[in-house]
Amino acid sequence: MVASELLHLNPQDQVKLNTLTVASLISMILIPLHVAGDIALGLDRGGSGLVYIIVPILLVLGCGTFLLAERASGYIIMFLGGLAALGMPIIHRNNAFTPSIGKAPGGVLFIWSLVALGVTGGLAMILSARGLWELRSRKT
């Protein structure tokens, strides 16, 4: 979006764009924290191969968030990133939300990061869907 187009947006639209960027950015910060917690708490074996999965995923999410923010492809990338973030607490519902994890060193932060990932991921999904809907309605 060029500066002249940005001037024609009302203030509410500018806040929505910023909120989506912030939600995606927070998810990008929490995902590596979550993966580190998985490894530290023994929920994942880790290994160097994990870098080849996490780094490209975060790179694509970062490109969608910062480079493609107002485009349909950016909204789709942020929606999928939000879906992955929202899925983390659901995937770990049986093995992470237990008293033994909560009592382990770093366990409270791990549980907190899961909840925060779910919230920011759900918010990113909602805002991305709204952004896609607004793009669609502008074209018609």
C-alpha atoms as a PDB file:
ATOM      1  CA  MET A   1       0.000   0.000   0.000  1.00  0.00           C
ATOM      2  CA  VAL A   2       1.512   3.330  -1.004  1.00  0.00           C
ATOM      3  CA  ALA A   3       1.414   6.451   1.157  1.00  0.00           C
ATOM      4  CA  SER A   4      -1.331   8.105  -0.903  1.00  0.00           C
ATOM      5  CA  GLU A   5      -3.603   5.078  -0.389  1.00  0.00           C
ATOM      6  CA  LEU A   6      -2.794   5.048   3.328  1.00  0.00           C
ATOM      7  CA  LEU A   7      -4.011   8.634   3.640  1.00  0.00           C
ATOM      8  CA  HIS A   8      -7.436   7.616   2.303  1.00  0.00           C
ATOM      9  CA  LEU A   9      -7.917   4.904   4.942  1.00  0.00           C
ATOM     10  CA  ASN A  10      -9.929   5.889   7.952  1.00  0.00           C
ATOM     11  CA  PRO A  11      -8.165   5.570  11.338  1.00  0.00           C
ATOM     12  CA  GLN A  12     -10.026   2.366  12.208  1.00  0.00           C
ATOM     13  CA  ASP A  13      -8.572   0.581   9.156  1.00  0.00           C
ATOM     14  CA  GLN A  14      -5.063   1.665  10.114  1.00  0.00           C
ATOM     15  CA  VAL A  15      -5.502   0.224  13.606  1.00  0.00           C
ATOM     16  CA  LYS A  16      -6.739  -3.094  12.175  1.00  0.00           C
ATOM     17  CA  LEU A  17      -3.675  -3.404   9.949  1.00  0.00           C
ATOM     18  CA  ASN A  18      -1.370  -2.662  12.878  1.00  0.00           C
ATOM     19  CA  THR A  19      -3.213  -5.061  15.180  1.00  0.00           C
ATOM     20  CA  LEU A  20      -2.833  -7.896  12.675  1.00  0.00           C
ATOM     21  CA  THR A  21       0.873  -7.175  12.306  1.00  0.00           C
ATOM     22  CA  VAL A  22       1.328  -7.122  16.085  1.00  0.00           C
ATOM     23  CA  ALA A  23      -0.653 -10.367  16.559  1.00  0.00           C
ATOM     24  CA  SER A  24       1.436 -12.118  13.906  1.00  0.00           C
ATOM     25  CA  LEU A  25       4.664 -10.732  15.339  1.00  0.00           C
ATOM     26  CA  ILE A  26       3.789 -11.922  18.845  1.00  0.00           C
ATOM     27  CA  SER A  27       3.025 -15.376  17.445  1.00  0.00           C
ATOM     28  CA  MET A  28       6.396 -15.379  15.673  1.00  0.00           C
ATOM     29  CA  ILE A  29       8.088 -14.602  18.987  1.00  0.00           C
ATOM     30  CA  LEU A  30       6.130 -17.196  20.955  1.00  0.00           C
ATOM     31  CA  ILE A  31       6.609 -20.096  18.507  1.00  0.00           C
ATOM     32  CA  PRO A  32      10.380 -20.483  19.128  1.00  0.00           C
ATOM     33  CA  LEU A  33       9.767 -20.038  22.863  1.00  0.00           C
ATOM     34  CA  HIS A  34       7.206 -22.816  22.666  1.00  0.00           C
ATOM     35  CA  VAL A  35       9.526 -25.120  20.701  1.00  0.00           C
ATOM     36  CA  ALA A  36      12.302 -24.515  23.248  1.00  0.00           C
ATOM     37  CA  GLY A  37       9.859 -25.397  26.023  1.00  0.00           C
ATOM     38  CA  ASP A  38       8.889 -28.583  24.205  1.00  0.00           C
ATOM     39  CA  ILE A  39      12.533 -29.652  24.118  1.00  0.00           C
ATOM     40  CA  ALA A  40      13.413 -28.509  27.655  1.00  0.00           C
ATOM     41  CA  LEU A  41      10.414 -30.305  29.160  1.00  0.00           C
ATOM     42  CA  GLY A  42      11.015 -33.493  27.180  1.00  0.00           C
ATOM     43  CA  LEU A  43       7.876 -33.230  25.038  1.00  0.00           C
ATOM     44  CA  ASP A  44      10.017 -33.203  21.856  1.00  0.00           C
ATOM     45  CA  ARG A  45      13.436 -34.737  21.256  1.00  0.00           C
ATOM     46  CA  GLY A  46      14.652 -31.657  19.366  1.00  0.00           C
ATOM     47  CA  GLY A  47      17.756 -32.011  17.248  1.00  0.00           C
ATOM     48  CA  SER A  48      19.319 -29.963  14.491  1.00  0.00           C
ATOM     49  CA  GLY A  49      16.645 -31.030  11.991  1.00  0.00           C
ATOM     50  CA  LEU A  50      14.153 -28.884  13.879  1.00  0.00           C
ATOM     51  CA  VAL A  51      15.971 -25.773  12.659  1.00  0.00           C
ATOM     52  CA  TYR A  52      15.237 -26.769   9.060  1.00  0.00           C
ATOM     53  CA  ILE A  53      11.529 -26.794   9.876  1.00  0.00           C
ATOM     54  CA  ILE A  54      11.070 -23.859  12.261  1.00  0.00           C
ATOM     55  CA  VAL A  55      13.282 -21.282  10.536  1.00  0.00           C
ATOM     56  CA  PRO A  56      11.611 -21.547   7.087  1.00  0.00           C
ATOM     57  CA  ILE A  57       8.147 -21.477   8.649  1.00  0.00           C
ATOM     58  CA  LEU A  58       8.988 -18.339  10.630  1.00  0.00           C
ATOM     59  CA  LEU A  59      10.642 -16.792   7.562  1.00  0.00           C
ATOM     60  CA  VAL A  60       7.502 -17.297   5.471  1.00  0.00           C
ATOM     61  CA  LEU A  61       5.328 -15.965   8.279  1.00  0.00           C
ATOM     62  CA  GLY A  62       7.617 -12.947   8.602  1.00  0.00           C
ATOM     63  CA  CYS A  63       7.420 -12.262   4.860  1.00  0.00           C
ATOM     64  CA  GLY A  64       3.631 -12.506   4.983  1.00  0.00           C
ATOM     65  CA  THR A  65       3.503 -10.178   7.975  1.00  0.00           C
ATOM     66  CA  PHE A  66       5.939  -7.498   6.863  1.00  0.00           C
ATOM     67  CA  LEU A  67       6.354  -7.713   3.085  1.00  0.00           C
ATOM     68  CA  LEU A  68       2.898  -8.810   1.956  1.00  0.00           C
ATOM     69  CA  ALA A  69       0.817  -7.221   4.726  1.00  0.00           C
ATOM     70  CA  GLU A  70      -1.983  -5.668   2.656  1.00  0.00           C
ATOM     71  CA  ARG A  71      -2.082  -8.286  -0.111  1.00  0.00           C
ATOM     72  CA  ALA A  72      -4.248 -11.362  -0.310  1.00  0.00           C
ATOM     73  CA  SER A  73      -1.174 -13.609  -0.159  1.00  0.00           C
ATOM     74  CA  GLY A  74      -0.060 -11.894   3.061  1.00  0.00           C
ATOM     75  CA  TYR A  75      -3.481 -12.313   4.622  1.00  0.00           C
ATOM     76  CA  ILE A  76      -3.496 -16.005   3.664  1.00  0.00           C
ATOM     77  CA  ILE A  77      -0.009 -16.544   5.111  1.00  0.00           C
ATOM     78  CA  MET A  78      -0.970 -14.773   8.337  1.00  0.00           C
ATOM     79  CA  PHE A  79      -4.211 -16.765   8.511  1.00  0.00           C
ATOM     80  CA  LEU A  80      -2.297 -20.044   8.187  1.00  0.00           C
ATOM     81  CA  GLY A  81       0.281 -18.873  10.739  1.00  0.00           C
ATOM     82  CA  GLY A  82      -2.557 -17.982  13.083  1.00  0.00           C
ATOM     83  CA  LEU A  83      -4.110 -21.392  12.528  1.00  0.00           C
ATOM     84  CA  ALA A  84      -0.822 -23.078  13.442  1.00  0.00           C
ATOM     85  CA  ALA A  85      -0.499 -20.893  16.560  1.00  0.00           C
ATOM     86  CA  LEU A  86      -4.093 -21.613  17.577  1.00  0.00           C
ATOM     87  CA  GLY A  87      -3.431 -25.318  17.080  1.00  0.00           C
ATOM     88  CA  MET A  88      -0.546 -25.440  19.569  1.00  0.00           C
ATOM     89  CA  PRO A  89      -2.632 -25.498  22.768  1.00  0.00           C
ATOM     90  CA  ILE A  90      -5.059 -27.910  21.111  1.00  0.00           C
ATOM     91  CA  ILE A  91      -2.261 -30.302  20.109  1.00  0.00           C
ATOM     92  CA  HIS A  92      -0.792 -30.183  23.629  1.00  0.00           C
ATOM     93  CA  ARG A  93      -4.090 -30.390  25.509  1.00  0.00           C
ATOM     94  CA  ASN A  94      -3.312 -33.815  27.011  1.00  0.00           C
ATOM     95  CA  ASN A  95       0.404 -33.639  27.781  1.00  0.00           C
ATOM     96  CA  ALA A  96       1.209 -29.967  28.507  1.00  0.00           C
ATOM     97  CA  PHE A  97      -1.575 -28.788  30.799  1.00  0.00           C
ATOM     98  CA  THR A  98      -0.655 -31.092  33.648  1.00  0.00           C
ATOM     99  CA  PRO A  99       0.535 -30.436  37.218  1.00  0.00           C
ATOM    100  CA  SER A 100       3.896 -32.092  36.484  1.00  0.00           C
ATOM    101  CA  ILE A 101       4.584 -29.661  33.618  1.00  0.00           C
ATOM    102  CA  GLY A 102       3.415 -26.732  35.734  1.00  0.00           C
ATOM    103  CA  LYS A 103       5.804 -27.712  38.554  1.00  0.00           C
ATOM    104  CA  ALA A 104       8.785 -28.297  36.246  1.00  0.00           C
ATOM    105  CA  PRO A 105      11.340 -25.501  35.808  1.00  0.00           C
ATOM    106  CA  GLY A 106      10.006 -23.293  33.028  1.00  0.00           C
ATOM    107  CA  GLY A 107       6.688 -25.124  33.013  1.00  0.00           C
ATOM    108  CA  VAL A 108       4.549 -22.129  33.911  1.00  0.00           C
ATOM    109  CA  LEU A 109       6.153 -20.083  31.124  1.00  0.00           C
ATOM    110  CA  PHE A 110       5.567 -22.979  28.737  1.00  0.00           C
ATOM    111  CA  ILE A 111       1.877 -23.211  29.628  1.00  0.00           C
ATOM    112  CA  TRP A 112       1.567 -19.424  29.441  1.00  0.00           C
ATOM    113  CA  SER A 113       3.170 -19.415  25.983  1.00  0.00           C
ATOM    114  CA  LEU A 114       0.684 -22.035  24.788  1.00  0.00           C
ATOM    115  CA  VAL A 115      -2.277 -19.985  25.965  1.00  0.00           C
ATOM    116  CA  ALA A 116      -0.808 -16.790  24.497  1.00  0.00           C
ATOM    117  CA  LEU A 117      -0.152 -18.585  21.193  1.00  0.00           C
ATOM    118  CA  GLY A 118      -3.770 -19.689  21.057  1.00  0.00           C
ATOM    119  CA  VAL A 119      -5.056 -16.167  21.701  1.00  0.00           C
ATOM    120  CA  THR A 120      -2.722 -14.392  19.264  1.00  0.00           C
ATOM    121  CA  GLY A 121      -3.251 -17.093  16.650  1.00  0.00           C
ATOM    122  CA  GLY A 122      -7.022 -16.850  16.891  1.00  0.00           C
ATOM    123  CA  LEU A 123      -6.830 -13.060  16.698  1.00  0.00           C
ATOM    124  CA  ALA A 124      -4.556 -13.234  13.647  1.00  0.00           C
ATOM    125  CA  MET A 125      -6.993 -15.626  11.959  1.00  0.00           C
ATOM    126  CA  ILE A 126      -9.962 -13.339  12.600  1.00  0.00           C
ATOM    127  CA  LEU A 127      -8.144 -10.203  11.464  1.00  0.00           C
ATOM    128  CA  SER A 128      -6.725 -11.944   8.386  1.00  0.00           C
ATOM    129  CA  ALA A 129     -10.169 -13.181   7.396  1.00  0.00           C
ATOM    130  CA  ARG A 130     -11.534  -9.661   7.820  1.00  0.00           C
ATOM    131  CA  GLY A 131      -8.692  -8.278   5.726  1.00  0.00           C
ATOM    132  CA  LEU A 132      -9.376 -10.782   2.957  1.00  0.00           C
ATOM    133  CA  TRP A 133     -13.086  -9.965   3.096  1.00  0.00           C
ATOM    134  CA  GLU A 134     -12.361  -6.228   2.843  1.00  0.00           C
ATOM    135  CA  LEU A 135     -10.029  -6.799  -0.119  1.00  0.00           C
ATOM    136  CA  ARG A 136     -12.744  -8.811  -1.827  1.00  0.00           C
ATOM    137  CA  SER A 137     -15.417  -6.189  -1.199  1.00  0.00           C
ATOM    138  CA  ARG A 138     -13.149  -3.370  -2.451  1.00  0.00           C
ATOM    139  CA  LYS A 139     -12.699  -5.137  -5.797  1.00  0.00           C
ATOM    140  CA  THR A 140     -16.433  -5.495  -6.429  1.00  0.00           C
END
